[in-house]
Amino acid sequence: MGRRIGTTLGNVVEVKITDSRGDALKHSFTVDATTNKFYFVASANGSNSNNGSEAHPWLTMAHACSTATATGYVYVKRGTYNESFPIAS
């Protein structure tokens, strides 16, 4: 099981993912606070028939990739996600 650590400083988000072997991936990105579309994914209580809101999150990251707008942000909540999917550029 991997370990995720996310921190936010101003509008910069830093995410670090470490797998069970200790290999780590670290990524930082800037969030444009003027966006009005945030989406959520939750393995515990999500459904791909939901609207992607925090109260009604989607179930899979694959659904989020194919459904979220290009200017939106997808927040993946803590959980286990065993899936493979392409990410369009």
C-alpha atoms as a PDB file:
ATOM      1  CA  MET A   1       0.000   0.000   0.000  1.00  0.00           C
ATOM      2  CA  GLY A   2       1.377   3.353  -1.009  1.00  0.00           C
ATOM      3  CA  ARG A   3       1.499   6.441   1.150  1.00  0.00           C
ATOM      4  CA  ARG A   4       0.343   9.857  -0.009  1.00  0.00           C
ATOM      5  CA  ILE A   5       1.222  13.183   1.493  1.00  0.00           C
ATOM      6  CA  GLY A   6      -0.344  16.376   0.205  1.00  0.00           C
ATOM      7  CA  THR A   7       0.325  19.912   1.347  1.00  0.00           C
ATOM      8  CA  THR A   8      -0.909  23.259   0.168  1.00  0.00           C
ATOM      9  CA  LEU A   9       0.958  26.552   0.458  1.00  0.00           C
ATOM     10  CA  GLY A  10      -0.964  29.452  -1.013  1.00  0.00           C
ATOM     11  CA  ASN A  11      -2.036  28.228  -4.417  1.00  0.00           C
ATOM     12  CA  VAL A  12       0.786  25.650  -4.841  1.00  0.00           C
ATOM     13  CA  VAL A  13      -0.053  22.017  -4.095  1.00  0.00           C
ATOM     14  CA  GLU A  14       2.655  19.429  -3.487  1.00  0.00           C
ATOM     15  CA  VAL A  15       1.863  15.716  -3.632  1.00  0.00           C
ATOM     16  CA  LYS A  16       4.249  12.910  -2.719  1.00  0.00           C
ATOM     17  CA  ILE A  17       3.337   9.272  -3.343  1.00  0.00           C
ATOM     18  CA  THR A  18       5.494   6.476  -1.924  1.00  0.00           C
ATOM     19  CA  ASP A  19       4.962   2.840  -2.847  1.00  0.00           C
ATOM     20  CA  SER A  20       5.574  -0.237  -0.678  1.00  0.00           C
ATOM     21  CA  ARG A  21       9.171  -0.512  -1.967  1.00  0.00           C
ATOM     22  CA  GLY A  22       9.936   3.017  -0.845  1.00  0.00           C
ATOM     23  CA  ASP A  23      10.028   4.485  -4.373  1.00  0.00           C
ATOM     24  CA  ALA A  24       8.585   7.990  -4.362  1.00  0.00           C
ATOM     25  CA  LEU A  25       7.042  10.353  -6.870  1.00  0.00           C
ATOM     26  CA  LYS A  26       6.780  14.034  -5.990  1.00  0.00           C
ATOM     27  CA  HIS A  27       4.810  16.595  -7.978  1.00  0.00           C
ATOM     28  CA  SER A  28       3.961  20.262  -7.426  1.00  0.00           C
ATOM     29  CA  PHE A  29       1.384  22.301  -9.280  1.00  0.00           C
ATOM     30  CA  THR A  30      -0.335  25.650  -9.016  1.00  0.00           C
ATOM     31  CA  VAL A  31      -4.080  25.865  -8.538  1.00  0.00           C
ATOM     32  CA  ASP A  32      -5.971  28.686 -10.217  1.00  0.00           C
ATOM     33  CA  ALA A  33      -8.350  29.750  -7.461  1.00  0.00           C
ATOM     34  CA  THR A  34     -10.638  31.430  -9.994  1.00  0.00           C
ATOM     35  CA  THR A  35     -11.949  28.088 -11.257  1.00  0.00           C
ATOM     36  CA  ASN A  36     -15.496  27.266 -10.306  1.00  0.00           C
ATOM     37  CA  LYS A  37     -15.418  23.543 -10.958  1.00  0.00           C
ATOM     38  CA  PHE A  38     -14.025  21.059  -8.484  1.00  0.00           C
ATOM     39  CA  TYR A  39     -14.748  17.336  -8.765  1.00  0.00           C
ATOM     40  CA  PHE A  40     -14.293  14.557  -6.233  1.00  0.00           C
ATOM     41  CA  VAL A  41     -13.536  10.818  -6.448  1.00  0.00           C
ATOM     42  CA  ALA A  42     -14.044   8.514  -3.452  1.00  0.00           C
ATOM     43  CA  SER A  43     -13.633   4.736  -3.471  1.00  0.00           C
ATOM     44  CA  ALA A  44     -15.579   4.381  -0.208  1.00  0.00           C
ATOM     45  CA  ASN A  45     -18.861   6.051  -1.182  1.00  0.00           C
ATOM     46  CA  GLY A  46     -18.578   7.127  -4.814  1.00  0.00           C
ATOM     47  CA  SER A  47     -20.709   6.245  -7.824  1.00  0.00           C
ATOM     48  CA  ASN A  48     -20.016   7.139 -11.446  1.00  0.00           C
ATOM     49  CA  SER A  49     -23.686   8.069 -11.757  1.00  0.00           C
ATOM     50  CA  ASN A  50     -23.126  10.862  -9.179  1.00  0.00           C
ATOM     51  CA  ASN A  51     -22.409  14.462 -10.193  1.00  0.00           C
ATOM     52  CA  GLY A  52     -18.815  14.497  -8.887  1.00  0.00           C
ATOM     53  CA  SER A  53     -19.502  16.964  -6.063  1.00  0.00           C
ATOM     54  CA  GLU A  54     -17.939  16.473  -2.633  1.00  0.00           C
ATOM     55  CA  ALA A  55     -21.307  15.287  -1.292  1.00  0.00           C
ATOM     56  CA  HIS A  56     -21.837  12.961  -4.300  1.00  0.00           C
ATOM     57  CA  PRO A  57     -18.367  11.900  -5.538  1.00  0.00           C
ATOM     58  CA  TRP A  58     -17.531   9.692  -8.490  1.00  0.00           C
ATOM     59  CA  LEU A  59     -16.206   6.183  -7.888  1.00  0.00           C
ATOM     60  CA  THR A  60     -13.316   5.920 -10.350  1.00  0.00           C
ATOM     61  CA  MET A  61     -10.462   8.081 -11.579  1.00  0.00           C
ATOM     62  CA  ALA A  62     -11.138   6.774 -15.102  1.00  0.00           C
ATOM     63  CA  HIS A  63     -14.624   8.294 -14.988  1.00  0.00           C
ATOM     64  CA  ALA A  64     -13.190  11.564 -13.659  1.00  0.00           C
ATOM     65  CA  CYS A  65     -10.651  11.722 -16.515  1.00  0.00           C
ATOM     66  CA  SER A  66     -13.331  11.260 -19.122  1.00  0.00           C
ATOM     67  CA  THR A  67     -15.931  13.530 -17.477  1.00  0.00           C
ATOM     68  CA  ALA A  68     -14.224  16.475 -15.728  1.00  0.00           C
ATOM     69  CA  THR A  69     -13.800  19.687 -17.671  1.00  0.00           C
ATOM     70  CA  ALA A  70     -10.362  20.718 -18.935  1.00  0.00           C
ATOM     71  CA  THR A  71     -10.327  23.676 -16.537  1.00  0.00           C
ATOM     72  CA  GLY A  72     -11.656  21.743 -13.536  1.00  0.00           C
ATOM     73  CA  TYR A  73      -9.767  20.081 -10.703  1.00  0.00           C
ATOM     74  CA  VAL A  74     -10.277  16.503  -9.525  1.00  0.00           C
ATOM     75  CA  TYR A  75      -9.656  15.740  -5.850  1.00  0.00           C
ATOM     76  CA  VAL A  76      -9.043  12.036  -5.209  1.00  0.00           C
ATOM     77  CA  LYS A  77      -9.959  11.140  -1.653  1.00  0.00           C
ATOM     78  CA  ARG A  78      -8.016   8.610   0.398  1.00  0.00           C
ATOM     79  CA  GLY A  79      -8.800   5.045  -0.632  1.00  0.00           C
ATOM     80  CA  THR A  80      -7.754   2.109  -2.761  1.00  0.00           C
ATOM     81  CA  TYR A  81      -8.028   2.492  -6.520  1.00  0.00           C
ATOM     82  CA  ASN A  82      -7.078  -0.475  -8.692  1.00  0.00           C
ATOM     83  CA  GLU A  83      -7.614   0.743 -12.238  1.00  0.00           C
ATOM     84  CA  SER A  84      -5.780   1.593 -15.436  1.00  0.00           C
ATOM     85  CA  PHE A  85      -6.840   4.362 -17.795  1.00  0.00           C
ATOM     86  CA  PRO A  86      -5.435   6.760 -20.389  1.00  0.00           C
ATOM     87  CA  ILE A  87      -5.117  10.445 -19.568  1.00  0.00           C
ATOM     88  CA  ALA A  88      -5.914  12.678 -22.522  1.00  0.00           C
ATOM     89  CA  SER A  89      -3.700  15.712 -23.048  1.00  0.00           C
END
